C-alpha atoms as a PDB file:
ATOM      1  CA  UNK A   1      64.164 100.802  60.978  1.00  0.00           C
ATOM      2  CA  UNK A   2      61.404 102.067  58.691  1.00  0.00           C
ATOM      3  CA  UNK A   3      61.349 105.332  56.741  1.00  0.00           C
ATOM      4  CA  UNK A   4      58.735 106.767  59.128  1.00  0.00           C
ATOM      5  CA  UNK A   5      60.950 105.946  62.140  1.00  0.00           C
ATOM      6  CA  UNK A   6      63.830 107.777  60.477  1.00  0.00           C
ATOM      7  CA  UNK A   7      61.682 110.860  59.811  1.00  0.00           C
ATOM      8  CA  UNK A   8      60.357 110.862  63.411  1.00  0.00           C
ATOM      9  CA  UNK A   9      63.888 110.680  64.807  1.00  0.00           C
ATOM     10  CA  UNK A  10      65.094 113.509  62.660  1.00  0.00           C
ATOM     11  CA  UNK A  11      62.127 115.732  63.621  1.00  0.00           C
ATOM     12  CA  UNK A  12      62.532 115.014  67.398  1.00  0.00           C
ATOM     13  CA  UNK A  13      63.936 118.017  69.258  1.00  0.00           C
ATOM     14  CA  UNK A  14      67.565 117.649  70.276  1.00  0.00           C
ATOM     15  CA  UNK A  15      68.258 117.344  74.017  1.00  0.00           C
ATOM     16  CA  UNK A  16      70.052 120.489  75.121  1.00  0.00           C
ATOM     17  CA  UNK A  17      72.100 120.667  78.306  1.00  0.00           C
ATOM     18  CA  UNK A  18      71.810 124.150  79.793  1.00  0.00           C
ATOM     19  CA  UNK A  19      75.053 125.983  80.504  1.00  0.00           C
ATOM     20  CA  UNK A  20      73.394 128.006  83.311  1.00  0.00           C
ATOM     21  CA  UNK A  21      70.883 127.049  85.919  1.00  0.00           C
ATOM     22  CA  UNK A  22      70.356 123.574  87.283  1.00  0.00           C
ATOM     23  CA  UNK A  23      71.239 122.401  90.762  1.00  0.00           C
ATOM     24  CA  UNK A  24      74.338 123.631  92.554  1.00  0.00           C
ATOM     25  CA  UNK A  25      76.785 120.852  93.475  1.00  0.00           C
ATOM     26  CA  UNK A  26      76.899 120.095  97.244  1.00  0.00           C
ATOM     27  CA  UNK A  27      79.109 118.128  99.657  1.00  0.00           C
ATOM     28  CA  UNK A  28      76.881 115.081  98.916  1.00  0.00           C
ATOM     29  CA  UNK A  29      78.124 115.100  95.354  1.00  0.00           C
ATOM     30  CA  UNK A  30      81.752 114.512  96.333  1.00  0.00           C
ATOM     31  CA  UNK A  31      82.720 110.868  95.904  1.00  0.00           C
ATOM     32  CA  UNK A  32      84.009 109.934  99.403  1.00  0.00           C
ATOM     33  CA  UNK A  33      85.391 106.420  99.818  1.00  0.00           C
ATOM     34  CA  UNK A  34      85.073 104.281 102.905  1.00  0.00           C
ATOM     35  CA  UNK A  35      87.727 104.027 105.653  1.00  0.00           C
ATOM     36  CA  UNK A  36      88.026 100.614 107.275  1.00  0.00           C
ATOM     37  CA  UNK A  37      90.055  99.302 110.198  1.00  0.00           C
ATOM     38  CA  UNK A  38      90.949  95.773 109.128  1.00  0.00           C
ATOM     39  CA  UNK A  39      89.763  93.089 111.517  1.00  0.00           C
ATOM     40  CA  UNK A  40      90.504  89.352 111.577  1.00  0.00           C
ATOM     41  CA  UNK A  41      87.186  88.698 109.914  1.00  0.00           C
ATOM     42  CA  UNK A  42      87.541  91.492 107.305  1.00  0.00           C
ATOM     43  CA  UNK A  43      87.591  90.482 103.649  1.00  0.00           C
ATOM     44  CA  UNK A  44      90.244  93.087 102.851  1.00  0.00           C
ATOM     45  CA  UNK A  45      93.758  92.083 101.833  1.00  0.00           C
ATOM     46  CA  UNK A  46      95.710  94.152 104.271  1.00  0.00           C
ATOM     47  CA  UNK A  47      97.427  93.696 107.626  1.00  0.00           C
ATOM     48  CA  UNK A  48      95.091  93.265 110.607  1.00  0.00           C
ATOM     49  CA  UNK A  49      94.698  96.601 112.387  1.00  0.00           C
ATOM     50  CA  UNK A  50      95.638  98.742 109.432  1.00  0.00           C
ATOM     51  CA  UNK A  51      93.436 101.599 108.245  1.00  0.00           C
ATOM     52  CA  UNK A  52      92.496 101.169 104.590  1.00  0.00           C
ATOM     53  CA  UNK A  53      90.916 103.647 102.235  1.00  0.00           C
ATOM     54  CA  UNK A  54      88.520 102.397  99.620  1.00  0.00           C
ATOM     55  CA  UNK A  55      89.587  98.822 100.403  1.00  0.00           C
ATOM     56  CA  UNK A  56      92.767  99.417  98.364  1.00  0.00           C
ATOM     57  CA  UNK A  57      95.121 101.924 100.022  1.00  0.00           C
ATOM     58  CA  UNK A  58      96.771 101.151 103.332  1.00  0.00           C
ATOM     59  CA  UNK A  59      97.105 104.518 105.044  1.00  0.00           C
ATOM     60  CA  UNK A  60      98.699 103.257 108.286  1.00  0.00           C
ATOM     61  CA  UNK A  61      99.172 100.088 110.303  1.00  0.00           C
ATOM     62  CA  UNK A  62      98.359  99.138 113.889  1.00  0.00           C
ATOM     63  CA  UNK A  63      99.753 101.448 116.588  1.00  0.00           C
ATOM     64  CA  UNK A  64     101.155 103.739 113.862  1.00  0.00           C
ATOM     65  CA  UNK A  65      99.580 107.248 113.927  1.00  0.00           C
ATOM     66  CA  UNK A  66      98.802 109.132 110.718  1.00  0.00           C
ATOM     67  CA  UNK A  67      98.233 112.889 110.513  1.00  0.00           C
ATOM     68  CA  UNK A  68      94.488 113.532 110.126  1.00  0.00           C
ATOM     69  CA  UNK A  69      92.119 116.508 109.862  1.00  0.00           C
ATOM     70  CA  UNK A  70      88.542 115.651 110.973  1.00  0.00           C
ATOM     71  CA  UNK A  71      86.080 117.236 108.594  1.00  0.00           C
ATOM     72  CA  UNK A  72      82.525 116.388 109.725  1.00  0.00           C
ATOM     73  CA  UNK A  73      80.521 113.955 111.819  1.00  0.00           C
ATOM     74  CA  UNK A  74      76.970 112.621 111.795  1.00  0.00           C
ATOM     75  CA  UNK A  75      75.535 110.725 114.791  1.00  0.00           C
ATOM     76  CA  UNK A  76      72.884 107.982 114.567  1.00  0.00           C
ATOM     77  CA  UNK A  77      71.522 104.924 116.309  1.00  0.00           C
ATOM     78  CA  UNK A  78      71.426 101.395 115.003  1.00  0.00           C
ATOM     79  CA  UNK A  79      70.392  97.905 116.069  1.00  0.00           C
ATOM     80  CA  UNK A  80      73.145  96.050 117.908  1.00  0.00           C
ATOM     81  CA  UNK A  81      72.854  92.768 116.126  1.00  0.00           C
ATOM     82  CA  UNK A  82      75.290  89.926 116.623  1.00  0.00           C
ATOM     83  CA  UNK A  83      77.763  89.634 113.708  1.00  0.00           C
ATOM     84  CA  UNK A  84      76.377  87.574 110.825  1.00  0.00           C
ATOM     85  CA  UNK A  85      72.768  87.365 112.171  1.00  0.00           C
ATOM     86  CA  UNK A  86      69.994  88.068 109.703  1.00  0.00           C
ATOM     87  CA  UNK A  87      69.771  91.217 107.579  1.00  0.00           C
ATOM     88  CA  UNK A  88      71.896  94.306 108.037  1.00  0.00           C
ATOM     89  CA  UNK A  89      71.180  96.273 111.182  1.00  0.00           C
ATOM     90  CA  UNK A  90      68.841  99.209 110.694  1.00  0.00           C
ATOM     91  CA  UNK A  91      70.160 102.735 111.293  1.00  0.00           C
ATOM     92  CA  UNK A  92      68.341 105.990 112.019  1.00  0.00           C
ATOM     93  CA  UNK A  93      69.415 109.650 112.141  1.00  0.00           C
ATOM     94  CA  UNK A  94      66.460 111.491 113.570  1.00  0.00           C
ATOM     95  CA  UNK A  95      64.541 111.476 116.865  1.00  0.00           C
ATOM     96  CA  UNK A  96      61.301 110.564 115.021  1.00  0.00           C
ATOM     97  CA  UNK A  97      62.903 107.578 113.276  1.00  0.00           C
ATOM     98  CA  UNK A  98      64.611 106.500 116.526  1.00  0.00           C
ATOM     99  CA  UNK A  99      61.226 106.330 118.325  1.00  0.00           C
ATOM    100  CA  UNK A 100      59.829 104.189 115.490  1.00  0.00           C
ATOM    101  CA  UNK A 101      62.864 101.861 115.565  1.00  0.00           C
ATOM    102  CA  UNK A 102      62.603 101.441 119.342  1.00  0.00           C
ATOM    103  CA  UNK A 103      59.037 100.286 118.956  1.00  0.00           C
ATOM    104  CA  UNK A 104      59.843  97.871 116.124  1.00  0.00           C
ATOM    105  CA  UNK A 105      63.065  96.109 117.100  1.00  0.00           C
ATOM    106  CA  UNK A 106      63.929  93.181 119.345  1.00  0.00           C
ATOM    107  CA  UNK A 107      67.605  94.253 119.545  1.00  0.00           C
ATOM    108  CA  UNK A 108      69.229  96.845 121.797  1.00  0.00           C
ATOM    109  CA  UNK A 109      70.204 100.091 120.120  1.00  0.00           C
ATOM    110  CA  UNK A 110      73.647 101.660 120.162  1.00  0.00           C
ATOM    111  CA  UNK A 111      75.046 105.018 119.199  1.00  0.00           C
ATOM    112  CA  UNK A 112      77.313 105.255 116.162  1.00  0.00           C
ATOM    113  CA  UNK A 113      78.720 107.933 113.944  1.00  0.00           C
ATOM    114  CA  UNK A 114      79.970 108.538 110.429  1.00  0.00           C
ATOM    115  CA  UNK A 115      83.206 110.550 110.781  1.00  0.00           C
ATOM    116  CA  UNK A 116      84.709 112.126 107.637  1.00  0.00           C
ATOM    117  CA  UNK A 117      88.456 112.706 107.745  1.00  0.00           C
ATOM    118  CA  UNK A 118      91.138 114.221 105.517  1.00  0.00           C
ATOM    119  CA  UNK A 119      94.718 113.124 105.404  1.00  0.00           C
ATOM    120  CA  UNK A 120      97.595 115.249 103.977  1.00  0.00           C
ATOM    121  CA  UNK A 121      99.871 113.141 101.782  1.00  0.00           C
ATOM    122  CA  UNK A 122     102.947 111.952 103.804  1.00  0.00           C
ATOM    123  CA  UNK A 123     106.368 112.630 102.315  1.00  0.00           C
ATOM    124  CA  UNK A 124     106.945 108.829 101.986  1.00  0.00           C
ATOM    125  CA  UNK A 125     103.603 108.110 100.324  1.00  0.00           C
ATOM    126  CA  UNK A 126     103.800 105.504  97.624  1.00  0.00           C
ATOM    127  CA  UNK A 127     101.183 107.125  95.415  1.00  0.00           C
ATOM    128  CA  UNK A 128      98.633 104.945  93.648  1.00  0.00           C
ATOM    129  CA  UNK A 129      95.857 107.505  93.677  1.00  0.00           C
ATOM    130  CA  UNK A 130      95.163 107.549  97.416  1.00  0.00           C
ATOM    131  CA  UNK A 131      95.593 111.350  97.647  1.00  0.00           C
ATOM    132  CA  UNK A 132      93.724 112.880  94.720  1.00  0.00           C
ATOM    133  CA  UNK A 133      92.526 116.128  96.179  1.00  0.00           C
ATOM    134  CA  UNK A 134      95.015 119.040  95.823  1.00  0.00           C
ATOM    135  CA  UNK A 135      94.495 122.067  97.953  1.00  0.00           C
ATOM    136  CA  UNK A 136      97.250 124.633  97.815  1.00  0.00           C
ATOM    137  CA  UNK A 137     100.536 122.742  97.406  1.00  0.00           C
ATOM    138  CA  UNK A 138      99.467 119.631  99.291  1.00  0.00           C
ATOM    139  CA  UNK A 139      97.522 116.551  98.116  1.00  0.00           C
ATOM    140  CA  UNK A 140      94.905 114.986 100.409  1.00  0.00           C
ATOM    141  CA  UNK A 141      92.929 111.815 100.824  1.00  0.00           C
ATOM    142  CA  UNK A 142      89.397 111.964 102.241  1.00  0.00           C
ATOM    143  CA  UNK A 143      87.281 109.151 103.594  1.00  0.00           C
ATOM    144  CA  UNK A 144      84.407 108.328 105.889  1.00  0.00           C
ATOM    145  CA  UNK A 145      84.679 105.981 108.875  1.00  0.00           C
ATOM    146  CA  UNK A 146      81.707 104.317 110.598  1.00  0.00           C
ATOM    147  CA  UNK A 147      82.400 104.049 114.346  1.00  0.00           C
ATOM    148  CA  UNK A 148      80.610 102.468 117.314  1.00  0.00           C
ATOM    149  CA  UNK A 149      81.350 101.409 120.906  1.00  0.00           C
ATOM    150  CA  UNK A 150      85.051 101.872 121.718  1.00  0.00           C
ATOM    151  CA  UNK A 151      85.751 103.471 118.326  1.00  0.00           C
ATOM    152  CA  UNK A 152      82.804 105.884 118.850  1.00  0.00           C
ATOM    153  CA  UNK A 153      84.198 106.947 122.230  1.00  0.00           C
ATOM    154  CA  UNK A 154      87.703 107.366 120.922  1.00  0.00           C
ATOM    155  CA  UNK A 155      86.768 109.416 117.828  1.00  0.00           C
ATOM    156  CA  UNK A 156      83.322 111.019 117.747  1.00  0.00           C
ATOM    157  CA  UNK A 157      83.149 111.794 121.483  1.00  0.00           C
ATOM    158  CA  UNK A 158      86.606 113.304 121.457  1.00  0.00           C
ATOM    159  CA  UNK A 159      85.669 115.551 118.515  1.00  0.00           C
ATOM    160  CA  UNK A 160      82.447 116.704 120.289  1.00  0.00           C
ATOM    161  CA  UNK A 161      84.351 117.315 123.498  1.00  0.00           C
ATOM    162  CA  UNK A 162      86.916 119.434 121.659  1.00  0.00           C
ATOM    163  CA  UNK A 163      84.142 121.334 119.889  1.00  0.00           C
ATOM    164  CA  UNK A 164      82.298 121.981 123.182  1.00  0.00           C
ATOM    165  CA  UNK A 165      85.269 123.125 125.197  1.00  0.00           C
ATOM    166  CA  UNK A 166      87.221 125.088 122.617  1.00  0.00           C
ATOM    167  CA  UNK A 167      84.622 127.251 120.874  1.00  0.00           C
ATOM    168  CA  UNK A 168      87.364 129.524 119.424  1.00  0.00           C
ATOM    169  CA  UNK A 169      89.271 126.549 117.921  1.00  0.00           C
ATOM    170  CA  UNK A 170      87.224 124.223 115.651  1.00  0.00           C
ATOM    171  CA  UNK A 171      88.452 120.655 115.629  1.00  0.00           C
ATOM    172  CA  UNK A 172      89.158 120.930 111.870  1.00  0.00           C
ATOM    173  CA  UNK A 173      91.548 123.813 112.493  1.00  0.00           C
ATOM    174  CA  UNK A 174      94.139 121.652 114.260  1.00  0.00           C
ATOM    175  CA  UNK A 175      96.005 118.505 113.286  1.00  0.00           C
ATOM    176  CA  UNK A 176      95.092 115.161 114.927  1.00  0.00           C
ATOM    177  CA  UNK A 177      96.681 111.736 115.032  1.00  0.00           C
ATOM    178  CA  UNK A 178      94.507 108.827 113.851  1.00  0.00           C
ATOM    179  CA  UNK A 179      95.872 105.623 115.315  1.00  0.00           C
ATOM    180  CA  UNK A 180      94.498 102.089 115.011  1.00  0.00           C
ATOM    181  CA  UNK A 181      94.783 100.490 118.462  1.00  0.00           C
ATOM    182  CA  UNK A 182      94.766  96.790 119.362  1.00  0.00           C
ATOM    183  CA  UNK A 183      92.014  96.023 121.903  1.00  0.00           C
ATOM    184  CA  UNK A 184      92.631  92.875 123.958  1.00  0.00           C
ATOM    185  CA  UNK A 185      89.758  90.900 125.529  1.00  0.00           C
ATOM    186  CA  UNK A 186      87.801  87.718 124.914  1.00  0.00           C
ATOM    187  CA  UNK A 187      88.183  88.610 121.256  1.00  0.00           C
ATOM    188  CA  UNK A 188      91.065  90.734 119.971  1.00  0.00           C
ATOM    189  CA  UNK A 189      89.968  93.532 117.652  1.00  0.00           C
ATOM    190  CA  UNK A 190      91.243  96.914 116.408  1.00  0.00           C
ATOM    191  CA  UNK A 191      89.694 100.366 116.899  1.00  0.00           C
ATOM    192  CA  UNK A 192      90.614 103.856 115.695  1.00  0.00           C
ATOM    193  CA  UNK A 193      91.623 106.570 118.088  1.00  0.00           C
ATOM    194  CA  UNK A 194      91.804 110.335 117.490  1.00  0.00           C
ATOM    195  CA  UNK A 195      94.092 112.545 119.571  1.00  0.00           C
ATOM    196  CA  UNK A 196      95.134 116.167 119.078  1.00  0.00           C
ATOM    197  CA  UNK A 197      98.736 116.439 117.954  1.00  0.00           C
ATOM    198  CA  UNK A 198     101.221 118.140 120.211  1.00  0.00           C
ATOM    199  CA  UNK A 199     102.245 120.820 117.719  1.00  0.00           C
ATOM    200  CA  UNK A 200     101.739 124.547 117.166  1.00  0.00           C
ATOM    201  CA  UNK A 201     101.119 123.967 113.466  1.00  0.00           C
ATOM    202  CA  UNK A 202      97.590 124.738 112.329  1.00  0.00           C
ATOM    203  CA  UNK A 203      95.635 123.599 109.329  1.00  0.00           C
ATOM    204  CA  UNK A 204      96.123 125.894 106.302  1.00  0.00           C
ATOM    205  CA  UNK A 205      93.414 128.503 105.777  1.00  0.00           C
ATOM    206  CA  UNK A 206      92.472 127.188 102.283  1.00  0.00           C
ATOM    207  CA  UNK A 207      91.876 123.742 103.765  1.00  0.00           C
ATOM    208  CA  UNK A 208      89.728 125.224 106.570  1.00  0.00           C
ATOM    209  CA  UNK A 209      87.780 127.108 103.943  1.00  0.00           C
ATOM    210  CA  UNK A 210      87.187 123.870 101.956  1.00  0.00           C
ATOM    211  CA  UNK A 211      86.042 122.068 105.104  1.00  0.00           C
ATOM    212  CA  UNK A 212      83.623 124.867 106.042  1.00  0.00           C
ATOM    213  CA  UNK A 213      82.054 124.742 102.559  1.00  0.00           C
ATOM    214  CA  UNK A 214      81.823 120.962 102.912  1.00  0.00           C
ATOM    215  CA  UNK A 215      80.111 121.213 106.279  1.00  0.00           C
ATOM    216  CA  UNK A 216      77.504 123.624 104.942  1.00  0.00           C
ATOM    217  CA  UNK A 217      76.634 121.026 102.289  1.00  0.00           C
END
């Protein structure tokens, strides 16, 4: 480095990070890992049918329910491409983009949804960082699951039905069971299912408040 470069560097104004102002953090800034239901073709080292968080943490195994609190859902449409054919299927989330995709694809389109779910840490949890969010006295895991077809019907549609028929009781105010089910047919696969728990317990108010802030973005 020459003497002139040193002088220029010394005279350059220092970068200052403001302590006030800037953009407010939103729900999109929260690092939410993926939830997967492990299939026979999945490249995840976990039992078939188990629900895995961030490809590392097995939350529950096939036919075994885990307590869940649905947080939010986003519906979309995507190309129904056969597995392993060409590039990744295109997805859209608005009516305008849906019209454009319909005019530009050779594949049928299907409904899907991204469903975000929280899980209170079970008493027998083995740790390992799966439940990093502490609200009140309880630790929680949070993840987003992409659902279509049977999984879409058994999760997203049940949430919307609950929301439409129980306007005084939001679906995130009650506890649900998330259960991976084995679906028999020409090909055996596994799909998640959400059902309201048969309990009078309700979700703590501080958790509901967190979810409502999250839903507002």
